[in-house]
C-alpha atoms as a PDB file:
ATOM      1  CA  LEU A   1    -246.339   2.328 111.752  1.00  0.00           C
ATOM      2  CA  GLY A   2    -246.370   0.727 108.546  1.00  0.00           C
ATOM      3  CA  PHE A   3    -243.710   2.470 107.410  1.00  0.00           C
ATOM      4  CA  ARG A   4    -241.744   1.748 110.166  1.00  0.00           C
ATOM      5  CA  LEU A   5    -242.042  -2.000 109.665  1.00  0.00           C
ATOM      6  CA  ARG A   6    -241.133  -1.983 106.213  1.00  0.00           C
ATOM      7  CA  ASN A   7    -237.403  -2.186 106.641  1.00  0.00           C
ATOM      8  CA  ARG A   8    -237.527  -3.876 110.180  1.00  0.00           C
ATOM      9  CA  VAL A   9    -239.293  -7.141 109.420  1.00  0.00           C
ATOM     10  CA  PRO A  10    -237.939 -10.258 107.857  1.00  0.00           C
ATOM     11  CA  ALA A  11    -238.880 -10.889 104.396  1.00  0.00           C
ATOM     12  CA  GLY A  12    -241.595 -13.492 103.454  1.00  0.00           C
ATOM     13  CA  PHE A  13    -245.401 -13.446 105.069  1.00  0.00           C
ATOM     14  CA  ALA A  14    -244.443 -10.602 107.941  1.00  0.00           C
ATOM     15  CA  GLN A  15    -243.012  -7.606 105.384  1.00  0.00           C
ATOM     16  CA  GLU A  16    -245.547  -8.908 102.551  1.00  0.00           C
ATOM     17  CA  TYR A  17    -248.548  -8.215 105.220  1.00  0.00           C
ATOM     18  CA  VAL A  18    -246.748  -4.830 105.844  1.00  0.00           C
ATOM     19  CA  TYR A  19    -246.709  -4.062 102.349  1.00  0.00           C
ATOM     20  CA  SER A  20    -250.127  -5.036 101.655  1.00  0.00           C
ATOM     21  CA  ALA A  21    -251.574  -3.236 104.632  1.00  0.00           C
ATOM     22  CA  LEU A  22    -249.671   0.040 103.546  1.00  0.00           C
ATOM     23  CA  GLY A  23    -251.373  -0.572 100.080  1.00  0.00           C
ATOM     24  CA  GLY A  24    -254.777  -1.139 101.338  1.00  0.00           C
ATOM     25  CA  TRP A  25    -254.200   1.614 103.391  1.00  0.00           C
ATOM     26  CA  VAL A  26    -253.624   4.238 100.678  1.00  0.00           C
ATOM     27  CA  GLY A  27    -256.833   3.098  99.066  1.00  0.00           C
ATOM     28  CA  THR A  28    -258.831   3.324 102.269  1.00  0.00           C
ATOM     29  CA  LEU A  29    -257.968   7.207 101.851  1.00  0.00           C
ATOM     30  CA  ALA A  30    -258.640   7.518  98.515  1.00  0.00           C
ATOM     31  CA  ALA A  31    -261.869   5.901  99.144  1.00  0.00           C
ATOM     32  CA  GLY A  32    -262.644   7.906 101.926  1.00  0.00           C
ATOM     33  CA  VAL A  33    -262.088  10.879 100.117  1.00  0.00           C
ATOM     34  CA  LEU A  34    -265.000   9.754  97.845  1.00  0.00           C
ATOM     35  CA  VAL A  35    -267.472   8.663 100.133  1.00  0.00           C
ATOM     36  CA  ASP A  36    -267.559   8.317 104.344  1.00  0.00           C
ATOM     37  CA  TRP A  37    -266.035   4.935 103.994  1.00  0.00           C
ATOM     38  CA  PHE A  38    -263.423   6.048 106.614  1.00  0.00           C
ATOM     39  CA  LEU A  39    -265.276   6.474 109.699  1.00  0.00           C
ATOM     40  CA  PRO A  40    -268.922   5.519 108.510  1.00  0.00           C
ATOM     41  CA  PHE A  41    -271.889   6.537 110.368  1.00  0.00           C
ATOM     42  CA  VAL A  42    -274.945   4.385 110.180  1.00  0.00           C
ATOM     43  CA  TYR A  43    -276.719   7.714 108.870  1.00  0.00           C
ATOM     44  CA  ASN A  44    -275.030   8.397 105.781  1.00  0.00           C
ATOM     45  CA  ILE A  45    -273.547   5.342 104.866  1.00  0.00           C
ATOM     46  CA  ALA A  46    -275.838   2.609 106.451  1.00  0.00           C
ATOM     47  CA  LEU A  47    -274.208  -0.528 107.238  1.00  0.00           C
ATOM     48  CA  ARG A  48    -272.835  -1.748 104.035  1.00  0.00           C
ATOM     49  CA  GLY A  49    -270.410   1.135 104.919  1.00  0.00           C
ATOM     50  CA  PHE A  50    -269.143  -0.697 108.202  1.00  0.00           C
ATOM     51  CA  ARG A  51    -268.659  -3.566 105.853  1.00  0.00           C
ATOM     52  CA  ALA A  52    -266.262  -2.198 103.828  1.00  0.00           C
ATOM     53  CA  SER A  53    -264.495  -0.109 106.087  1.00  0.00           C
ATOM     54  CA  VAL A  54    -263.779  -2.982 109.091  1.00  0.00           C
ATOM     55  CA  LEU A  55    -261.689  -4.846 106.783  1.00  0.00           C
ATOM     56  CA  ALA A  56    -258.708  -1.928 106.858  1.00  0.00           C
ATOM     57  CA  TRP A  57    -259.106  -1.633 110.221  1.00  0.00           C
ATOM     58  CA  LEU A  58    -258.629  -5.102 110.718  1.00  0.00           C
ATOM     59  CA  PHE A  59    -255.208  -5.227 108.563  1.00  0.00           C
ATOM     60  CA  ILE A  60    -254.492  -1.830 110.493  1.00  0.00           C
ATOM     61  CA  GLY A  61    -254.800  -4.212 113.681  1.00  0.00           C
ATOM     62  CA  GLY A  62    -252.782  -6.806 112.008  1.00  0.00           C
ATOM     63  CA  LEU A  63    -250.074  -4.248 111.755  1.00  0.00           C
ATOM     64  CA  ALA A  64    -250.130  -3.659 115.212  1.00  0.00           C
ATOM     65  CA  SER A  65    -249.981  -7.229 116.199  1.00  0.00           C
ATOM     66  CA  ILE A  66    -246.662  -7.417 113.800  1.00  0.00           C
ATOM     67  CA  GLU A  67    -244.893  -4.703 115.225  1.00  0.00           C
ATOM     68  CA  GLN A  68    -245.504  -6.617 118.811  1.00  0.00           C
ATOM     69  CA  MET A  69    -244.237  -9.675 117.471  1.00  0.00           C
ATOM     70  CA  TYR A  70    -241.403  -7.955 116.051  1.00  0.00           C
ATOM     71  CA  ARG A  71    -240.633  -5.500 119.068  1.00  0.00           C
ATOM     72  CA  GLN A  72    -239.952  -8.276 121.260  1.00  0.00           C
ATOM     73  CA  ASP A  73    -237.500 -10.150 119.408  1.00  0.00           C
ATOM     74  CA  GLU A  74    -235.523  -6.769 119.493  1.00  0.00           C
END
């Protein structure tokens, strides 16, 4: 989703959000390799892990909303 949006959104906040969400996703994948922060469960990383991983999922949700906003413009 992020790779498709990179060049479709105009320069400004939306494009910077897409790039930052892509960078955050790469960081989340790297952290997910080290520990269970990608999809944490209470029994292995506790609620602290949910707080750490929820930010990445919120940014991905933001990508989906930006995609919907610019899909309506086309």
